[in-house]
N, C-alpha and C. Protein backbone atom coordinates (compact mmCIF):
# COMPACT_ATOMS: atom_id res chain seq x y z
N MET A 1 -19.02 27.12 0.32
CA MET A 1 -18.89 25.67 0.32
C MET A 1 -19.19 25.17 1.73
N SER A 2 -19.97 24.10 1.83
CA SER A 2 -20.31 23.55 3.12
C SER A 2 -19.07 22.96 3.79
N GLU A 3 -19.17 22.80 5.09
CA GLU A 3 -18.05 22.23 5.85
C GLU A 3 -17.72 20.82 5.37
N ALA A 4 -18.74 20.02 5.08
CA ALA A 4 -18.52 18.65 4.61
C ALA A 4 -17.82 18.65 3.25
N LYS A 5 -18.24 19.52 2.35
CA LYS A 5 -17.60 19.58 1.02
C LYS A 5 -16.17 20.09 1.15
N ASP A 6 -15.95 21.04 2.04
CA ASP A 6 -14.60 21.56 2.26
C ASP A 6 -13.69 20.46 2.81
N ARG A 7 -14.20 19.66 3.74
CA ARG A 7 -13.43 18.55 4.31
C ARG A 7 -13.13 17.51 3.22
N GLU A 8 -14.11 17.25 2.36
CA GLU A 8 -13.91 16.30 1.27
C GLU A 8 -12.87 16.82 0.28
N LEU A 9 -12.93 18.11 -0.03
CA LEU A 9 -11.95 18.71 -0.95
C LEU A 9 -10.55 18.63 -0.37
N ARG A 10 -10.40 18.91 0.92
CA ARG A 10 -9.08 18.81 1.56
C ARG A 10 -8.55 17.37 1.51
N ALA A 11 -9.43 16.41 1.73
CA ALA A 11 -9.01 15.00 1.67
C ALA A 11 -8.65 14.61 0.25
N LEU A 12 -9.38 15.11 -0.74
CA LEU A 12 -9.03 14.86 -2.14
C LEU A 12 -7.67 15.45 -2.47
N GLN A 13 -7.42 16.66 -2.02
CA GLN A 13 -6.13 17.31 -2.28
C GLN A 13 -4.99 16.54 -1.62
N ALA A 14 -5.22 16.02 -0.41
CA ALA A 14 -4.19 15.23 0.27
C ALA A 14 -3.92 13.94 -0.50
N ALA A 15 -4.98 13.32 -1.00
CA ALA A 15 -4.80 12.10 -1.81
C ALA A 15 -4.05 12.42 -3.09
N LEU A 16 -4.37 13.54 -3.71
CA LEU A 16 -3.67 13.95 -4.92
C LEU A 16 -2.19 14.19 -4.63
N ALA A 17 -1.89 14.88 -3.54
CA ALA A 17 -0.49 15.13 -3.17
C ALA A 17 0.25 13.80 -2.93
N ALA A 18 -0.42 12.86 -2.28
CA ALA A 18 0.21 11.55 -2.03
C ALA A 18 0.44 10.80 -3.33
N GLU A 19 -0.47 10.92 -4.27
CA GLU A 19 -0.29 10.25 -5.56
C GLU A 19 0.87 10.89 -6.34
N HIS A 20 0.99 12.21 -6.27
CA HIS A 20 2.16 12.87 -6.89
C HIS A 20 3.45 12.29 -6.31
N ALA A 21 3.49 12.18 -4.98
CA ALA A 21 4.69 11.66 -4.31
C ALA A 21 4.93 10.19 -4.69
N ALA A 22 3.86 9.42 -4.80
CA ALA A 22 4.01 8.00 -5.16
C ALA A 22 4.55 7.85 -6.58
N VAL A 23 4.07 8.68 -7.49
CA VAL A 23 4.57 8.62 -8.87
C VAL A 23 6.06 8.93 -8.88
N TYR A 24 6.46 9.95 -8.15
CA TYR A 24 7.88 10.28 -8.05
C TYR A 24 8.65 9.12 -7.43
N GLY A 25 8.14 8.60 -6.33
CA GLY A 25 8.83 7.52 -5.62
C GLY A 25 8.98 6.27 -6.46
N TYR A 26 7.96 5.95 -7.25
CA TYR A 26 8.07 4.77 -8.10
C TYR A 26 9.08 4.98 -9.22
N GLY A 27 9.37 6.23 -9.56
CA GLY A 27 10.47 6.48 -10.49
C GLY A 27 11.79 6.03 -9.89
N VAL A 28 11.95 6.26 -8.61
CA VAL A 28 13.15 5.81 -7.90
C VAL A 28 13.14 4.29 -7.78
N VAL A 29 12.00 3.74 -7.39
CA VAL A 29 11.88 2.28 -7.26
C VAL A 29 12.25 1.61 -8.59
N GLY A 30 11.69 2.10 -9.67
CA GLY A 30 11.93 1.50 -10.99
C GLY A 30 13.39 1.53 -11.38
N GLY A 31 14.12 2.54 -10.93
CA GLY A 31 15.53 2.64 -11.26
C GLY A 31 16.42 1.70 -10.46
N LYS A 32 15.92 1.19 -9.33
CA LYS A 32 16.74 0.37 -8.45
C LYS A 32 16.25 -1.07 -8.29
N ILE A 33 15.00 -1.30 -8.63
CA ILE A 33 14.42 -2.63 -8.40
C ILE A 33 15.03 -3.65 -9.36
N GLY A 34 15.11 -4.88 -8.93
CA GLY A 34 15.65 -5.94 -9.78
C GLY A 34 14.73 -6.26 -10.95
N GLU A 35 15.30 -6.89 -11.93
CA GLU A 35 14.56 -7.24 -13.16
C GLU A 35 13.30 -8.05 -12.86
N GLY A 36 13.37 -8.93 -11.88
CA GLY A 36 12.25 -9.79 -11.55
C GLY A 36 11.01 -9.07 -11.05
N ARG A 37 11.19 -7.86 -10.51
CA ARG A 37 10.05 -7.10 -9.97
C ARG A 37 9.79 -5.81 -10.74
N ARG A 38 10.52 -5.63 -11.83
CA ARG A 38 10.36 -4.39 -12.59
C ARG A 38 8.94 -4.24 -13.16
N GLY A 39 8.35 -5.32 -13.62
CA GLY A 39 6.99 -5.27 -14.14
C GLY A 39 5.99 -4.87 -13.07
N GLU A 40 6.18 -5.38 -11.86
CA GLU A 40 5.32 -5.02 -10.74
C GLU A 40 5.44 -3.53 -10.41
N ALA A 41 6.67 -3.03 -10.45
CA ALA A 41 6.89 -1.60 -10.20
C ALA A 41 6.22 -0.75 -11.28
N ARG A 42 6.33 -1.18 -12.52
CA ARG A 42 5.71 -0.43 -13.63
C ARG A 42 4.19 -0.43 -13.50
N THR A 43 3.62 -1.56 -13.13
CA THR A 43 2.17 -1.64 -12.95
C THR A 43 1.71 -0.70 -11.84
N ALA A 44 2.45 -0.67 -10.73
CA ALA A 44 2.10 0.23 -9.63
C ALA A 44 2.25 1.69 -10.05
N TYR A 45 3.32 1.99 -10.76
CA TYR A 45 3.54 3.35 -11.27
C TYR A 45 2.36 3.79 -12.14
N ASP A 46 1.95 2.93 -13.06
CA ASP A 46 0.83 3.25 -13.93
C ASP A 46 -0.47 3.44 -13.15
N ALA A 47 -0.67 2.60 -12.14
CA ALA A 47 -1.88 2.71 -11.31
C ALA A 47 -1.90 4.05 -10.57
N HIS A 48 -0.76 4.47 -10.04
CA HIS A 48 -0.71 5.74 -9.32
C HIS A 48 -0.88 6.93 -10.28
N ARG A 49 -0.35 6.82 -11.46
CA ARG A 49 -0.56 7.89 -12.45
C ARG A 49 -2.04 8.00 -12.80
N ALA A 50 -2.71 6.88 -12.98
CA ALA A 50 -4.14 6.89 -13.30
C ALA A 50 -4.95 7.48 -12.15
N ARG A 51 -4.63 7.08 -10.92
CA ARG A 51 -5.34 7.64 -9.75
C ARG A 51 -5.09 9.14 -9.65
N ARG A 52 -3.84 9.54 -9.87
CA ARG A 52 -3.50 10.97 -9.83
C ARG A 52 -4.34 11.74 -10.82
N ASP A 53 -4.42 11.26 -12.04
CA ASP A 53 -5.19 11.96 -13.07
C ASP A 53 -6.67 12.02 -12.73
N ALA A 54 -7.21 10.94 -12.17
CA ALA A 54 -8.62 10.94 -11.76
C ALA A 54 -8.86 11.92 -10.62
N LEU A 55 -7.91 12.02 -9.70
CA LEU A 55 -8.06 12.95 -8.58
C LEU A 55 -8.01 14.40 -9.05
N VAL A 56 -7.22 14.69 -10.05
CA VAL A 56 -7.20 16.05 -10.62
C VAL A 56 -8.61 16.42 -11.08
N ARG A 57 -9.26 15.50 -11.78
CA ARG A 57 -10.63 15.75 -12.25
C ARG A 57 -11.60 15.90 -11.08
N GLU A 58 -11.45 15.07 -10.05
CA GLU A 58 -12.34 15.14 -8.89
C GLU A 58 -12.22 16.48 -8.17
N VAL A 59 -10.99 16.94 -7.99
CA VAL A 59 -10.77 18.23 -7.32
C VAL A 59 -11.42 19.34 -8.13
N LYS A 60 -11.23 19.31 -9.44
CA LYS A 60 -11.85 20.32 -10.30
C LYS A 60 -13.37 20.25 -10.23
N ASP A 61 -13.92 19.04 -10.19
CA ASP A 61 -15.37 18.87 -10.10
C ASP A 61 -15.94 19.50 -8.84
N LEU A 62 -15.15 19.54 -7.76
CA LEU A 62 -15.59 20.17 -6.52
C LEU A 62 -15.26 21.66 -6.48
N GLY A 63 -14.73 22.18 -7.58
CA GLY A 63 -14.44 23.60 -7.65
C GLY A 63 -13.08 23.98 -7.11
N GLY A 64 -12.22 23.02 -6.87
CA GLY A 64 -10.90 23.31 -6.34
C GLY A 64 -9.86 23.42 -7.43
N ARG A 65 -8.72 23.94 -7.05
CA ARG A 65 -7.56 24.01 -7.93
C ARG A 65 -6.60 22.90 -7.50
N PRO A 66 -6.40 21.89 -8.35
CA PRO A 66 -5.59 20.74 -7.94
C PRO A 66 -4.18 21.13 -7.50
N VAL A 67 -3.76 20.54 -6.38
CA VAL A 67 -2.40 20.77 -5.88
C VAL A 67 -1.42 20.23 -6.93
N ALA A 68 -0.38 21.01 -7.16
CA ALA A 68 0.62 20.62 -8.16
C ALA A 68 1.66 19.70 -7.54
N ALA A 69 2.30 18.93 -8.37
CA ALA A 69 3.40 18.08 -7.92
C ALA A 69 4.60 18.96 -7.58
N ALA A 70 5.35 18.54 -6.59
CA ALA A 70 6.61 19.21 -6.27
C ALA A 70 7.65 18.80 -7.30
N ALA A 71 8.69 19.59 -7.40
CA ALA A 71 9.77 19.26 -8.33
C ALA A 71 10.52 18.00 -7.89
N GLY A 72 10.54 17.75 -6.61
CA GLY A 72 11.19 16.57 -6.06
C GLY A 72 10.66 16.30 -4.68
N TYR A 73 10.90 15.10 -4.18
CA TYR A 73 10.42 14.71 -2.86
C TYR A 73 11.56 14.07 -2.09
N ALA A 74 11.59 14.36 -0.78
CA ALA A 74 12.58 13.72 0.09
C ALA A 74 12.15 12.28 0.32
N LEU A 75 13.06 11.38 0.11
CA LEU A 75 12.77 9.97 0.36
C LEU A 75 12.93 9.69 1.85
N PRO A 76 12.18 8.72 2.39
CA PRO A 76 12.27 8.45 3.84
C PRO A 76 13.57 7.78 4.24
N PHE A 77 14.32 7.24 3.27
CA PHE A 77 15.60 6.60 3.53
C PHE A 77 16.34 6.46 2.20
N ALA A 78 17.62 6.19 2.28
CA ALA A 78 18.41 6.00 1.07
C ALA A 78 17.97 4.73 0.34
N VAL A 79 18.04 4.77 -0.98
CA VAL A 79 17.62 3.63 -1.81
C VAL A 79 18.80 3.24 -2.71
N PRO A 80 19.78 2.52 -2.12
CA PRO A 80 20.97 2.16 -2.89
C PRO A 80 20.85 0.88 -3.71
N ASP A 81 19.81 0.07 -3.41
CA ASP A 81 19.74 -1.24 -4.06
C ASP A 81 18.30 -1.72 -4.18
N ALA A 82 18.13 -2.91 -4.75
CA ALA A 82 16.80 -3.47 -4.99
C ALA A 82 16.03 -3.72 -3.70
N ALA A 83 16.70 -4.18 -2.66
CA ALA A 83 16.02 -4.43 -1.39
C ALA A 83 15.43 -3.14 -0.82
N ALA A 84 16.21 -2.06 -0.86
CA ALA A 84 15.72 -0.77 -0.38
C ALA A 84 14.60 -0.25 -1.28
N ALA A 85 14.69 -0.52 -2.56
CA ALA A 85 13.63 -0.11 -3.49
C ALA A 85 12.31 -0.80 -3.13
N GLY A 86 12.37 -2.06 -2.78
CA GLY A 86 11.17 -2.78 -2.35
C GLY A 86 10.60 -2.21 -1.07
N ARG A 87 11.47 -1.85 -0.12
CA ARG A 87 11.00 -1.22 1.12
C ARG A 87 10.36 0.13 0.82
N LEU A 88 10.96 0.89 -0.11
CA LEU A 88 10.39 2.18 -0.47
C LEU A 88 9.00 1.99 -1.09
N ALA A 89 8.85 1.02 -1.96
CA ALA A 89 7.55 0.78 -2.58
C ALA A 89 6.50 0.48 -1.51
N ALA A 90 6.84 -0.34 -0.53
CA ALA A 90 5.90 -0.65 0.56
C ALA A 90 5.55 0.61 1.34
N GLU A 91 6.54 1.44 1.62
CA GLU A 91 6.32 2.70 2.34
C GLU A 91 5.42 3.64 1.54
N LEU A 92 5.64 3.75 0.24
CA LEU A 92 4.79 4.58 -0.60
C LEU A 92 3.35 4.12 -0.53
N GLU A 93 3.15 2.82 -0.60
CA GLU A 93 1.80 2.28 -0.56
C GLU A 93 1.15 2.52 0.80
N ASP A 94 1.92 2.40 1.88
CA ASP A 94 1.38 2.69 3.21
C ASP A 94 0.92 4.14 3.31
N ARG A 95 1.72 5.03 2.78
CA ARG A 95 1.37 6.46 2.84
C ARG A 95 0.13 6.77 2.01
N VAL A 96 0.06 6.17 0.84
CA VAL A 96 -1.12 6.37 -0.01
C VAL A 96 -2.36 5.79 0.68
N ALA A 97 -2.23 4.63 1.27
CA ALA A 97 -3.35 4.01 1.98
C ALA A 97 -3.85 4.94 3.09
N GLY A 98 -2.94 5.59 3.78
CA GLY A 98 -3.32 6.51 4.85
C GLY A 98 -4.18 7.66 4.38
N VAL A 99 -3.82 8.26 3.27
CA VAL A 99 -4.63 9.40 2.79
C VAL A 99 -5.96 8.92 2.21
N TYR A 100 -5.98 7.73 1.63
CA TYR A 100 -7.26 7.21 1.16
C TYR A 100 -8.17 6.84 2.32
N SER A 101 -7.59 6.42 3.43
CA SER A 101 -8.38 6.17 4.62
C SER A 101 -9.06 7.46 5.07
N ASP A 102 -8.33 8.57 5.02
CA ASP A 102 -8.91 9.87 5.36
C ASP A 102 -10.02 10.25 4.37
N LEU A 103 -9.80 9.96 3.09
CA LEU A 103 -10.81 10.28 2.08
C LEU A 103 -12.06 9.43 2.27
N VAL A 104 -11.91 8.18 2.65
CA VAL A 104 -13.07 7.34 2.94
C VAL A 104 -13.91 7.98 4.04
N ARG A 105 -13.24 8.50 5.07
CA ARG A 105 -13.97 9.16 6.17
C ARG A 105 -14.63 10.45 5.74
N ALA A 106 -14.02 11.18 4.81
CA ALA A 106 -14.53 12.51 4.43
C ALA A 106 -15.57 12.48 3.32
N ALA A 107 -15.55 11.45 2.50
CA ALA A 107 -16.40 11.41 1.31
C ALA A 107 -17.65 10.58 1.55
N GLY A 108 -18.53 10.66 0.58
CA GLY A 108 -19.73 9.84 0.62
C GLY A 108 -20.01 9.29 -0.77
N GLY A 109 -20.94 8.37 -0.83
CA GLY A 109 -21.40 7.85 -2.11
C GLY A 109 -20.32 7.23 -2.97
N GLU A 110 -20.36 7.55 -4.26
CA GLU A 110 -19.42 7.00 -5.25
C GLU A 110 -17.97 7.35 -4.91
N ARG A 111 -17.74 8.57 -4.45
CA ARG A 111 -16.36 8.97 -4.13
C ARG A 111 -15.82 8.15 -2.96
N ARG A 112 -16.66 7.86 -1.99
CA ARG A 112 -16.23 7.02 -0.86
C ARG A 112 -15.90 5.61 -1.35
N ALA A 113 -16.72 5.08 -2.23
CA ALA A 113 -16.47 3.73 -2.77
C ALA A 113 -15.15 3.70 -3.54
N LEU A 114 -14.88 4.72 -4.34
CA LEU A 114 -13.63 4.78 -5.09
C LEU A 114 -12.43 4.91 -4.15
N ALA A 115 -12.58 5.69 -3.09
CA ALA A 115 -11.50 5.84 -2.12
C ALA A 115 -11.24 4.53 -1.39
N ALA A 116 -12.30 3.80 -1.05
CA ALA A 116 -12.14 2.51 -0.39
C ALA A 116 -11.43 1.52 -1.32
N GLU A 117 -11.75 1.56 -2.60
CA GLU A 117 -11.09 0.68 -3.57
C GLU A 117 -9.60 1.05 -3.69
N ALA A 118 -9.30 2.35 -3.72
CA ALA A 118 -7.90 2.79 -3.80
C ALA A 118 -7.14 2.37 -2.54
N LEU A 119 -7.78 2.47 -1.38
CA LEU A 119 -7.17 2.03 -0.12
C LEU A 119 -6.87 0.53 -0.19
N ARG A 120 -7.81 -0.25 -0.66
CA ARG A 120 -7.62 -1.69 -0.77
C ARG A 120 -6.47 -2.03 -1.71
N GLU A 121 -6.44 -1.37 -2.86
CA GLU A 121 -5.36 -1.62 -3.83
C GLU A 121 -3.99 -1.29 -3.25
N ALA A 122 -3.90 -0.16 -2.55
CA ALA A 122 -2.62 0.23 -1.95
C ALA A 122 -2.21 -0.76 -0.88
N ALA A 123 -3.16 -1.23 -0.07
CA ALA A 123 -2.85 -2.20 0.98
C ALA A 123 -2.36 -3.51 0.38
N VAL A 124 -2.98 -3.95 -0.71
CA VAL A 124 -2.57 -5.19 -1.36
C VAL A 124 -1.16 -5.03 -1.94
N ARG A 125 -0.90 -3.90 -2.60
CA ARG A 125 0.45 -3.69 -3.14
C ARG A 125 1.48 -3.64 -2.03
N ALA A 126 1.15 -2.99 -0.90
CA ALA A 126 2.09 -2.93 0.23
C ALA A 126 2.43 -4.32 0.73
N VAL A 127 1.43 -5.18 0.83
CA VAL A 127 1.66 -6.56 1.28
C VAL A 127 2.58 -7.27 0.29
N ARG A 128 2.35 -7.09 -0.98
CA ARG A 128 3.19 -7.75 -1.98
C ARG A 128 4.64 -7.27 -1.88
N TRP A 129 4.83 -5.98 -1.68
CA TRP A 129 6.20 -5.45 -1.58
C TRP A 129 6.86 -5.88 -0.28
N ARG A 130 6.10 -5.84 0.79
CA ARG A 130 6.65 -6.12 2.12
C ARG A 130 6.76 -7.62 2.40
N GLY A 131 5.83 -8.38 1.84
CA GLY A 131 5.80 -9.81 2.11
C GLY A 131 4.99 -10.17 3.33
N GLU A 132 4.39 -9.18 3.97
CA GLU A 132 3.51 -9.42 5.12
C GLU A 132 2.51 -8.27 5.22
N SER A 133 1.45 -8.50 5.96
CA SER A 133 0.40 -7.48 6.06
C SER A 133 0.45 -6.77 7.41
N VAL A 134 -0.31 -5.70 7.50
CA VAL A 134 -0.50 -4.99 8.76
C VAL A 134 -1.97 -5.14 9.14
N ALA A 135 -2.26 -5.02 10.41
CA ALA A 135 -3.62 -5.25 10.89
C ALA A 135 -4.63 -4.24 10.35
N PHE A 136 -4.23 -2.98 10.29
CA PHE A 136 -5.15 -1.92 9.88
C PHE A 136 -4.52 -1.06 8.80
N PRO A 137 -4.51 -1.51 7.55
CA PRO A 137 -3.87 -0.72 6.49
C PRO A 137 -4.54 0.65 6.36
N GLY A 138 -3.70 1.67 6.25
CA GLY A 138 -4.20 3.02 6.11
C GLY A 138 -4.42 3.75 7.41
N LEU A 139 -4.31 3.04 8.52
CA LEU A 139 -4.50 3.68 9.82
C LEU A 139 -3.19 3.61 10.59
N ALA A 140 -2.40 4.67 10.45
CA ALA A 140 -1.07 4.70 11.05
C ALA A 140 -1.11 4.50 12.55
N GLU A 141 -2.12 5.06 13.22
CA GLU A 141 -2.18 4.93 14.67
C GLU A 141 -2.44 3.50 15.11
N ARG A 142 -3.00 2.68 14.23
CA ARG A 142 -3.26 1.27 14.53
C ARG A 142 -2.13 0.37 14.05
N ALA A 143 -1.50 0.75 12.94
CA ALA A 143 -0.48 -0.10 12.32
C ALA A 143 0.90 0.12 12.92
N GLY A 144 1.08 1.20 13.66
CA GLY A 144 2.39 1.48 14.25
C GLY A 144 3.36 2.08 13.27
N THR A 145 2.85 2.70 12.20
CA THR A 145 3.71 3.36 11.22
C THR A 145 3.56 4.86 11.34
N ALA A 146 4.48 5.57 10.73
CA ALA A 146 4.43 7.03 10.76
C ALA A 146 3.24 7.51 9.94
N PRO A 147 2.69 8.68 10.27
CA PRO A 147 1.58 9.21 9.49
C PRO A 147 2.02 9.50 8.06
N PRO A 148 1.08 9.39 7.11
CA PRO A 148 1.44 9.64 5.72
C PRO A 148 1.82 11.10 5.52
N SER A 149 2.93 11.31 4.86
CA SER A 149 3.35 12.65 4.51
C SER A 149 4.36 12.55 3.38
N ALA A 150 4.36 13.53 2.59
CA ALA A 150 5.33 13.61 1.51
C ALA A 150 6.01 14.96 1.63
N ALA A 151 7.25 14.97 2.03
CA ALA A 151 7.95 16.22 2.24
C ALA A 151 8.62 16.65 0.93
N PRO A 152 8.14 17.75 0.34
CA PRO A 152 8.81 18.24 -0.87
C PRO A 152 10.24 18.65 -0.57
N ARG A 153 11.09 18.40 -1.52
CA ARG A 153 12.48 18.82 -1.40
C ARG A 153 12.59 20.28 -1.77
N ALA A 154 13.34 21.02 -1.01
CA ALA A 154 13.50 22.46 -1.28
C ALA A 154 14.46 22.68 -2.43
């Protein structure tokens, strides 16, 4: 496999891992979010499941073995109420945007366009959850946020 294809496969796997974590995280969000935002949480959950499933196919198309979801994920903070659930949703979207930013850099053609669309969607959802935008969505070093990571729970 060429170096470019290997880099693209690694970026796809990172995006897939982030989508697994987002699906898990939105399960938590859905359990704590208020009734008024439950539909928004469900829509985001469905969007991340669809992206996850598409990424599984993309990884296979490049000859890779898709990274599996962890049994559980460590949350970045406690989520005792609806306000914390909204903050978690924004954080999930920021992390997903970060890995799609990496995929935009690593991919070309149609895959790059799809990654850019996924980055845009995550940035828009983050703004909706947070109520404000960041200057460079998906670029942690520019936005002043932590790098995207999903720490599996042991």
